[in-house]
Protein backbone atom coordinates (compact mmCIF):
# COMPACT_ATOMS: atom_id res chain seq x y z
CA MET A 1 19.89 46.14 52.72
CA PRO A 2 21.65 43.24 54.51
CA GLY A 3 19.63 41.79 57.36
CA SER A 4 18.52 38.74 59.29
CA GLN A 5 16.51 36.01 57.63
CA GLY A 6 13.47 36.43 59.84
CA VAL A 7 13.06 36.97 63.56
CA VAL A 8 16.00 37.01 65.97
CA GLU A 9 14.99 35.37 69.26
CA ASP A 10 18.17 35.34 71.34
CA GLU A 11 21.51 37.04 71.84
CA GLU A 12 23.54 34.21 70.28
CA LYS A 13 21.69 34.52 66.98
CA ALA A 14 21.69 38.32 67.18
CA VAL A 15 25.47 38.46 67.60
CA ARG A 16 26.04 35.95 64.80
CA VAL A 17 23.81 37.85 62.37
CA ALA A 18 25.26 41.24 63.37
CA LYS A 19 28.82 40.03 62.84
CA ASP A 20 27.88 38.64 59.42
CA ILE A 21 26.25 41.94 58.43
CA GLY A 22 28.85 44.18 60.06
CA PHE A 23 28.32 46.80 62.75
CA PRO A 24 26.48 49.04 63.32
CA VAL A 25 23.16 47.24 63.00
CA ILE A 26 19.64 48.11 64.04
CA LEU A 27 17.14 45.89 65.83
CA LYS A 28 13.64 46.55 64.48
CA ALA A 29 10.24 45.41 65.66
CA SER A 30 8.72 43.14 63.01
CA ALA A 31 5.19 44.40 63.67
CA GLY A 32 6.17 47.98 64.26
CA GLY A 33 6.44 51.37 62.82
CA GLY A 34 7.20 54.92 63.80
CA GLY A 35 10.51 54.06 65.46
CA ARG A 36 8.99 51.95 68.24
CA GLY A 37 10.96 48.81 69.11
CA MET A 38 14.15 49.99 67.40
CA ARG A 39 17.65 49.92 68.90
CA ILE A 40 21.02 50.67 67.30
CA VAL A 41 23.80 48.22 68.17
CA ARG A 42 27.42 49.20 67.61
CA GLN A 43 29.23 46.24 69.17
CA ALA A 44 28.78 42.52 69.84
CA ARG A 45 27.15 42.98 73.26
CA THR A 46 23.54 42.99 72.05
CA SER A 47 21.70 41.54 75.06
CA PRO A 48 20.43 44.73 76.79
CA ARG A 49 19.34 46.33 73.52
CA LEU A 50 17.76 43.10 72.24
CA ARG A 51 15.71 42.70 75.43
CA ALA A 52 14.70 46.38 75.36
CA ALA A 53 13.61 46.23 71.71
CA GLN A 54 11.63 43.04 72.35
CA ALA A 55 9.93 44.52 75.43
CA GLU A 56 9.03 47.75 73.63
CA ALA A 57 7.72 45.82 70.62
CA GLN A 58 5.59 43.64 72.91
CA ALA A 59 4.19 46.66 74.74
CA ALA A 60 3.51 48.69 71.61
CA PHE A 61 2.38 46.04 69.13
CA GLY A 62 1.59 42.91 71.14
CA VAL A 63 4.37 40.99 69.39
CA PRO A 64 7.97 40.84 70.73
CA ASP A 65 9.55 39.76 67.43
CA VAL A 66 12.53 41.76 66.14
CA TYR A 67 14.83 41.42 63.18
CA ILE A 68 18.21 42.95 62.32
CA GLU A 69 19.33 45.17 59.45
CA ARG A 70 22.51 47.07 58.73
CA TYR A 71 22.26 50.56 60.18
CA VAL A 72 23.20 53.33 57.80
CA GLU A 73 24.47 56.27 59.82
CA ALA A 74 24.75 58.89 57.09
CA PRO A 75 22.69 57.91 54.07
CA ALA A 76 23.63 59.56 50.80
CA THR A 77 21.10 61.99 49.52
CA SER A 78 20.30 62.70 45.92
CA ARG A 79 19.36 66.02 44.50
CA SER A 80 17.11 66.63 41.55
CA ARG A 81 18.14 69.40 39.24
């Protein structure tokens, strides 16, 4: 899955990485789990979502670090027969 090479600290880096990956992307808490500290971003204006993901990650896990991955809206499913 395409994603950032480590933590994304600011909007400039977030936009650059997101454009390289292609929208939509998802911001994910590096220390998280269970959906906490995650935000979907569909366009280059990442600032409010980046700050919100960082704040939620800090509150939930004590670490504000987030990274970016491509967001897959409708993943293919496989069936066993």
